[in-house]
Protein backbone atom coordinates (compact mmCIF):
# COMPACT_ATOMS: atom_id res chain seq x y z
CA UNK A 1 150.47 154.41 50.16
CA UNK A 2 147.88 155.67 48.10
CA UNK A 3 149.66 158.14 45.97
CA UNK A 4 151.85 154.99 44.83
CA UNK A 5 148.68 153.66 43.27
CA UNK A 6 148.53 156.95 41.22
CA UNK A 7 150.03 158.62 38.30
CA UNK A 8 149.67 162.15 37.98
CA UNK A 9 147.95 163.64 34.75
CA UNK A 10 148.05 167.40 35.75
CA UNK A 11 149.56 169.59 38.68
CA UNK A 12 147.41 172.54 38.79
CA UNK A 13 149.59 173.84 41.44
CA UNK A 14 148.48 176.31 44.60
CA UNK A 15 146.12 178.59 42.55
CA UNK A 16 144.12 178.29 39.66
CA UNK A 17 143.17 181.14 37.23
CA UNK A 18 139.44 181.44 37.10
CA UNK A 19 137.74 182.32 33.61
CA UNK A 20 137.06 185.88 34.92
CA UNK A 21 140.71 186.32 35.69
CA UNK A 22 140.38 186.39 39.78
CA UNK A 23 142.74 183.63 41.59
CA UNK A 24 141.22 180.33 43.41
CA UNK A 25 143.42 179.15 46.30
CA UNK A 26 143.39 175.11 45.64
CA UNK A 27 144.35 174.29 49.58
CA UNK A 28 143.40 174.99 52.92
CA UNK A 29 146.01 175.70 54.85
CA UNK A 30 149.47 177.31 54.04
CA UNK A 31 150.84 175.53 51.64
CA UNK A 32 149.52 172.98 48.90
CA UNK A 33 147.85 171.98 45.96
CA UNK A 34 145.76 170.16 43.51
CA UNK A 35 146.27 167.63 40.91
CA UNK A 36 144.46 165.37 38.74
CA UNK A 37 145.31 162.03 38.95
CA UNK A 38 144.71 158.66 37.53
CA UNK A 39 144.42 155.11 38.96
CA UNK A 40 147.10 152.82 37.70
CA UNK A 41 144.87 149.60 38.59
CA UNK A 42 141.49 150.75 36.96
CA UNK A 43 142.17 154.07 35.03
CA UNK A 44 139.08 156.16 37.79
CA UNK A 45 140.44 159.76 37.61
CA UNK A 46 140.97 161.14 41.24
CA UNK A 47 141.17 164.67 42.19
CA UNK A 48 144.10 165.12 44.80
CA UNK A 49 144.26 168.20 47.16
CA UNK A 50 147.39 168.52 49.55
CA UNK A 51 147.31 171.01 52.28
CA UNK A 52 149.99 171.64 54.93
CA UNK A 53 150.91 173.45 57.42
CA UNK A 54 154.54 173.93 59.21
CA UNK A 55 153.15 174.12 62.22
CA UNK A 56 153.45 171.35 64.30
CA UNK A 57 151.04 168.85 65.94
CA UNK A 58 152.22 165.66 68.20
CA UNK A 59 155.45 166.10 66.35
CA UNK A 60 154.64 166.27 62.98
CA UNK A 61 153.25 169.17 60.99
CA UNK A 62 149.73 169.25 60.04
CA UNK A 63 148.84 167.78 56.70
CA UNK A 64 145.06 167.15 55.02
CA UNK A 65 144.75 165.18 51.61
CA UNK A 66 141.45 164.62 49.71
CA UNK A 67 140.93 162.14 47.36
CA UNK A 68 138.18 162.89 44.70
CA UNK A 69 136.59 160.98 42.12
CA UNK A 70 135.59 162.55 39.30
CA UNK A 71 134.55 161.31 35.86
CA UNK A 72 136.56 163.70 33.39
CA UNK A 73 139.11 166.03 33.48
CA UNK A 74 136.64 169.14 32.51
CA UNK A 75 135.14 168.03 35.91
CA UNK A 76 138.44 168.78 37.58
CA UNK A 77 138.39 172.20 35.97
CA UNK A 78 134.60 172.94 36.52
CA UNK A 79 135.78 171.86 40.38
CA UNK A 80 139.18 173.89 40.28
CA UNK A 81 136.85 177.49 38.75
CA UNK A 82 134.01 176.65 41.84
CA UNK A 83 135.64 175.81 45.12
CA UNK A 84 138.78 176.74 46.80
CA UNK A 85 140.63 174.68 49.24
CA UNK A 86 138.83 175.06 52.40
CA UNK A 87 135.37 174.69 50.86
CA UNK A 88 136.43 171.78 48.81
CA UNK A 89 138.11 169.99 51.82
CA UNK A 90 134.83 170.47 53.79
CA UNK A 91 132.41 169.84 51.11
CA UNK A 92 133.73 166.65 50.58
CA UNK A 93 135.47 165.70 53.42
CA UNK A 94 133.47 162.12 53.36
CA UNK A 95 135.90 161.21 50.99
CA UNK A 96 139.08 162.18 52.66
CA UNK A 97 142.23 160.19 53.13
CA UNK A 98 140.99 158.85 56.59
CA UNK A 99 138.14 156.91 54.95
CA UNK A 100 139.71 155.88 51.78
CA UNK A 101 140.31 151.67 51.66
CA UNK A 102 141.18 150.16 48.34
CA UNK A 103 140.79 150.07 44.58
CA UNK A 104 139.43 146.83 44.15
CA UNK A 105 138.26 145.14 40.89
CA UNK A 106 138.21 148.82 39.04
CA UNK A 107 136.32 149.88 42.25
CA UNK A 108 137.22 152.56 44.43
CA UNK A 109 135.48 152.16 48.13
CA UNK A 110 135.40 155.14 50.25
CA UNK A 111 134.72 154.01 53.67
CA UNK A 112 134.76 151.50 55.97
CA UNK A 113 131.19 151.11 55.86
CA UNK A 114 131.28 151.05 52.36
CA UNK A 115 133.77 148.63 51.79
CA UNK A 116 131.27 145.82 54.39
CA UNK A 117 128.74 146.73 52.08
CA UNK A 118 130.28 145.96 48.71
CA UNK A 119 132.29 142.69 50.72
CA UNK A 120 128.16 141.86 51.28
CA UNK A 121 126.99 142.39 47.81
CA UNK A 122 129.82 140.58 46.17
CA UNK A 123 128.88 137.42 48.26
CA UNK A 124 125.06 137.76 46.91
CA UNK A 125 125.81 138.06 43.78
CA UNK A 126 128.62 134.92 43.97
CA UNK A 127 125.87 133.23 45.67
CA UNK A 128 123.66 133.93 43.31
CA UNK A 129 125.84 132.80 40.56
CA UNK A 130 126.61 129.77 42.10
CA UNK A 131 122.88 128.67 43.15
CA UNK A 132 121.46 129.51 39.67
CA UNK A 133 124.64 127.25 38.08
CA UNK A 134 123.50 124.37 40.70
CA UNK A 135 119.85 124.63 40.08
CA UNK A 136 119.82 124.75 36.12
CA UNK A 137 122.61 122.11 35.87
CA UNK A 138 122.03 120.11 32.83
CA UNK A 139 119.32 122.36 30.92
CA UNK A 140 120.08 123.55 28.00
CA UNK A 141 118.29 126.66 25.95
CA UNK A 142 116.64 126.25 22.49
CA UNK A 143 119.84 126.75 20.72
CA UNK A 144 121.03 123.73 22.80
CA UNK A 145 123.74 125.42 24.86
CA UNK A 146 123.80 125.28 28.47
CA UNK A 147 121.50 127.39 29.80
CA UNK A 148 123.18 128.57 32.76
CA UNK A 149 126.45 129.99 30.88
CA UNK A 150 124.21 130.65 27.27
CA UNK A 151 121.56 132.98 29.08
CA UNK A 152 121.83 133.41 32.79
CA UNK A 153 125.15 134.59 33.00
CA UNK A 154 124.75 137.06 29.77
CA UNK A 155 121.47 138.49 31.41
CA UNK A 156 123.34 139.25 34.64
CA UNK A 157 126.59 140.44 33.82
CA UNK A 158 124.30 143.09 31.58
CA UNK A 159 123.30 144.59 35.15
CA UNK A 160 124.49 147.67 36.18
CA UNK A 161 123.10 147.56 39.89
CA UNK A 162 124.16 144.69 42.08
CA UNK A 163 120.32 143.26 42.85
CA UNK A 164 120.22 143.39 39.08
CA UNK A 165 122.90 140.43 38.64
CA UNK A 166 121.33 138.65 41.41
CA UNK A 167 117.92 138.81 39.61
CA UNK A 168 119.50 138.12 36.46
CA UNK A 169 120.89 134.74 37.69
CA UNK A 170 118.18 133.51 39.79
CA UNK A 171 114.84 134.77 37.19
CA UNK A 172 113.75 131.47 36.02
CA UNK A 173 115.27 129.51 39.03
CA UNK A 174 111.84 129.06 40.44
CA UNK A 175 110.01 129.15 37.13
CA UNK A 176 111.87 126.77 35.03
CA UNK A 177 114.12 124.36 37.50
CA UNK A 178 112.55 121.20 39.18
CA UNK A 179 112.41 120.83 42.69
CA UNK A 180 114.85 117.88 42.99
CA UNK A 181 114.03 116.04 45.88
CA UNK A 182 110.58 115.64 44.73
CA UNK A 183 108.69 114.68 41.18
CA UNK A 184 109.40 116.50 38.37
CA UNK A 185 106.30 118.29 38.24
CA UNK A 186 106.55 120.32 41.11
CA UNK A 187 108.67 123.18 41.00
CA UNK A 188 110.66 125.20 43.74
CA UNK A 189 109.12 128.42 45.37
CA UNK A 190 110.81 131.90 45.22
CA UNK A 191 110.60 131.10 49.01
CA UNK A 192 112.63 128.10 48.54
CA UNK A 193 115.50 129.97 46.32
CA UNK A 194 115.64 132.72 48.48
CA UNK A 195 116.19 130.72 51.45
CA UNK A 196 118.75 128.79 49.64
CA UNK A 197 120.58 132.23 48.48
CA UNK A 198 120.88 133.36 52.13
CA UNK A 199 121.97 130.01 52.91
CA UNK A 200 125.13 130.46 50.49
CA UNK A 201 125.72 133.53 51.37
CA UNK A 202 128.44 134.35 54.59
CA UNK A 203 126.61 137.98 54.76
CA UNK A 204 123.51 137.73 55.43
CA UNK A 205 121.06 140.29 53.31
CA UNK A 206 119.18 142.88 54.99
CA UNK A 207 115.24 142.73 55.00
CA UNK A 208 115.03 145.84 52.61
CA UNK A 209 117.06 144.11 50.15
CA UNK A 210 116.03 140.55 50.56
CA UNK A 211 112.30 141.82 50.12
CA UNK A 212 113.51 143.52 46.97
CA UNK A 213 115.19 140.70 45.62
CA UNK A 214 112.17 138.57 46.32
CA UNK A 215 109.26 140.62 44.94
CA UNK A 216 111.15 140.67 41.66
CA UNK A 217 111.50 137.37 41.40
CA UNK A 218 107.98 136.46 42.19
CA UNK A 219 107.25 139.08 39.26
CA UNK A 220 109.28 137.40 36.54
CA UNK A 221 107.77 133.86 37.73
CA UNK A 222 105.22 133.34 35.05
CA UNK A 223 103.32 131.24 37.11
CA UNK A 224 102.14 133.53 39.59
CA UNK A 225 100.05 135.42 36.85
CA UNK A 226 96.82 134.17 35.43
CA UNK A 227 98.00 134.96 31.60
CA UNK A 228 101.12 135.88 29.64
CA UNK A 229 99.52 139.32 28.97
CA UNK A 230 98.91 139.91 33.13
CA UNK A 231 102.05 138.35 33.67
CA UNK A 232 104.13 141.10 31.57
CA UNK A 233 101.43 144.11 33.22
CA UNK A 234 102.71 143.47 36.61
CA UNK A 235 106.40 142.96 35.57
CA UNK A 236 106.41 146.32 34.16
CA UNK A 237 104.98 148.18 37.69
CA UNK A 238 108.46 147.21 39.22
CA UNK A 239 111.59 148.88 38.60
CA UNK A 240 114.24 145.65 39.31
CA UNK A 241 111.74 143.35 37.54
CA UNK A 242 111.37 145.47 34.45
CA UNK A 243 115.36 145.96 33.86
CA UNK A 244 116.08 142.60 34.15
CA UNK A 245 113.09 141.52 32.09
CA UNK A 246 114.23 143.87 29.39
CA UNK A 247 118.16 142.38 29.29
CA UNK A 248 116.38 138.93 29.21
CA UNK A 249 113.94 139.72 26.51
CA UNK A 250 116.65 141.57 24.42
CA UNK A 251 119.25 137.84 24.68
CA UNK A 252 115.89 136.01 23.53
CA UNK A 253 115.17 138.09 20.67
CA UNK A 254 118.57 137.09 19.63
CA UNK A 255 117.75 134.85 16.51
CA UNK A 256 121.18 134.25 15.59
CA UNK A 257 121.91 132.14 18.61
CA UNK A 258 119.87 129.38 16.94
CA UNK A 259 121.53 127.67 14.07
CA UNK A 260 118.37 126.64 11.87
CA UNK A 261 115.79 128.72 13.00
CA UNK A 262 112.10 127.50 12.29
CA UNK A 263 108.71 129.29 11.68
CA UNK A 264 108.17 129.00 15.56
CA UNK A 265 111.45 130.49 16.48
CA UNK A 266 110.29 133.62 14.31
CA UNK A 267 106.95 133.76 15.90
CA UNK A 268 108.31 133.54 19.58
CA UNK A 269 110.61 136.45 18.66
CA UNK A 270 107.62 138.39 17.44
CA UNK A 271 106.16 137.98 20.91
CA UNK A 272 109.26 138.79 22.69
CA UNK A 273 109.35 141.94 20.47
CA UNK A 274 105.95 143.21 21.72
CA UNK A 275 106.77 142.41 25.30
CA UNK A 276 109.82 144.36 25.49
CA UNK A 277 108.08 147.15 23.89
CA UNK A 278 105.78 147.02 26.52
CA UNK A 279 108.09 146.66 29.55
CA UNK A 280 110.23 149.42 27.57
CA UNK A 281 107.09 151.91 27.57
CA UNK A 282 106.12 151.30 31.04
CA UNK A 283 109.73 151.98 32.62
CA UNK A 284 110.30 154.99 30.85
CA UNK A 285 107.16 156.36 31.91
CA UNK A 286 108.52 155.64 35.67
CA UNK A 287 111.96 157.43 34.75
CA UNK A 288 109.81 160.63 33.12
CA UNK A 289 107.48 160.45 36.23
CA UNK A 290 110.50 160.74 38.65
CA UNK A 291 112.42 163.46 36.61
CA UNK A 292 109.66 165.31 36.68
CA UNK A 293 109.20 165.80 40.39
CA UNK A 294 112.75 167.62 40.30
CA UNK A 295 111.63 169.97 37.69
CA UNK A 296 111.03 173.74 38.96
């Protein structure tokens, strides 16, 4: 069933000639081969290793098939150069056929636990999207366009990680949406937003994920800071809040969204540019510090 979703790009056979002229066996048992294949659904490159033994176990020949995701042909050739069939199979057994599930929405899922986790993630992102659409219903941005589809969707869809998408959809929920069942001057708290998000989810967020998202939302709520300067400084210390805020600022800096910009609009964009540089600088410092920990 798996192979039906794949097409062969290159068949490396049962032996690979290394750069030094030596031979590397590309299977673990008596017979087999290794192939570079491509997913018909999403185009992902998969290195497939098949090992087979003529000995029978419970009436069937012994078979072992490994499906390993690679980023490029170069990576596949590097694996052929370095790893024989036995080492490849037992080093990468976590991604074996017994744990393979499916290719869904262009993403390869490798285990039942990961599939369950992905379902939860997709559910939370969709719940955040639905909640943001509800809370910002009727609101427009400075260009007069629908706030949800014109701004929030843009910020969220730029997110590389699912938590960035959730925070992207909800980053203005506590800051810019009035409490619908009270006076217009009352705003939702981040805690209320998180409670509504949990209620919309079929699968509850784990405490660690909920804490990370809530912390980022609190930091992105400018009403929680005594000044704009302190607001930018505080959120710059949080990786998730920084990632989403940079996407938010980049979109807000796009003056082309406003048909007839005024001097006030240009001044606001300049402020956004200064803030973006500050957040970006702090973000890069965090990344550099993390990299330095792994330098020898």
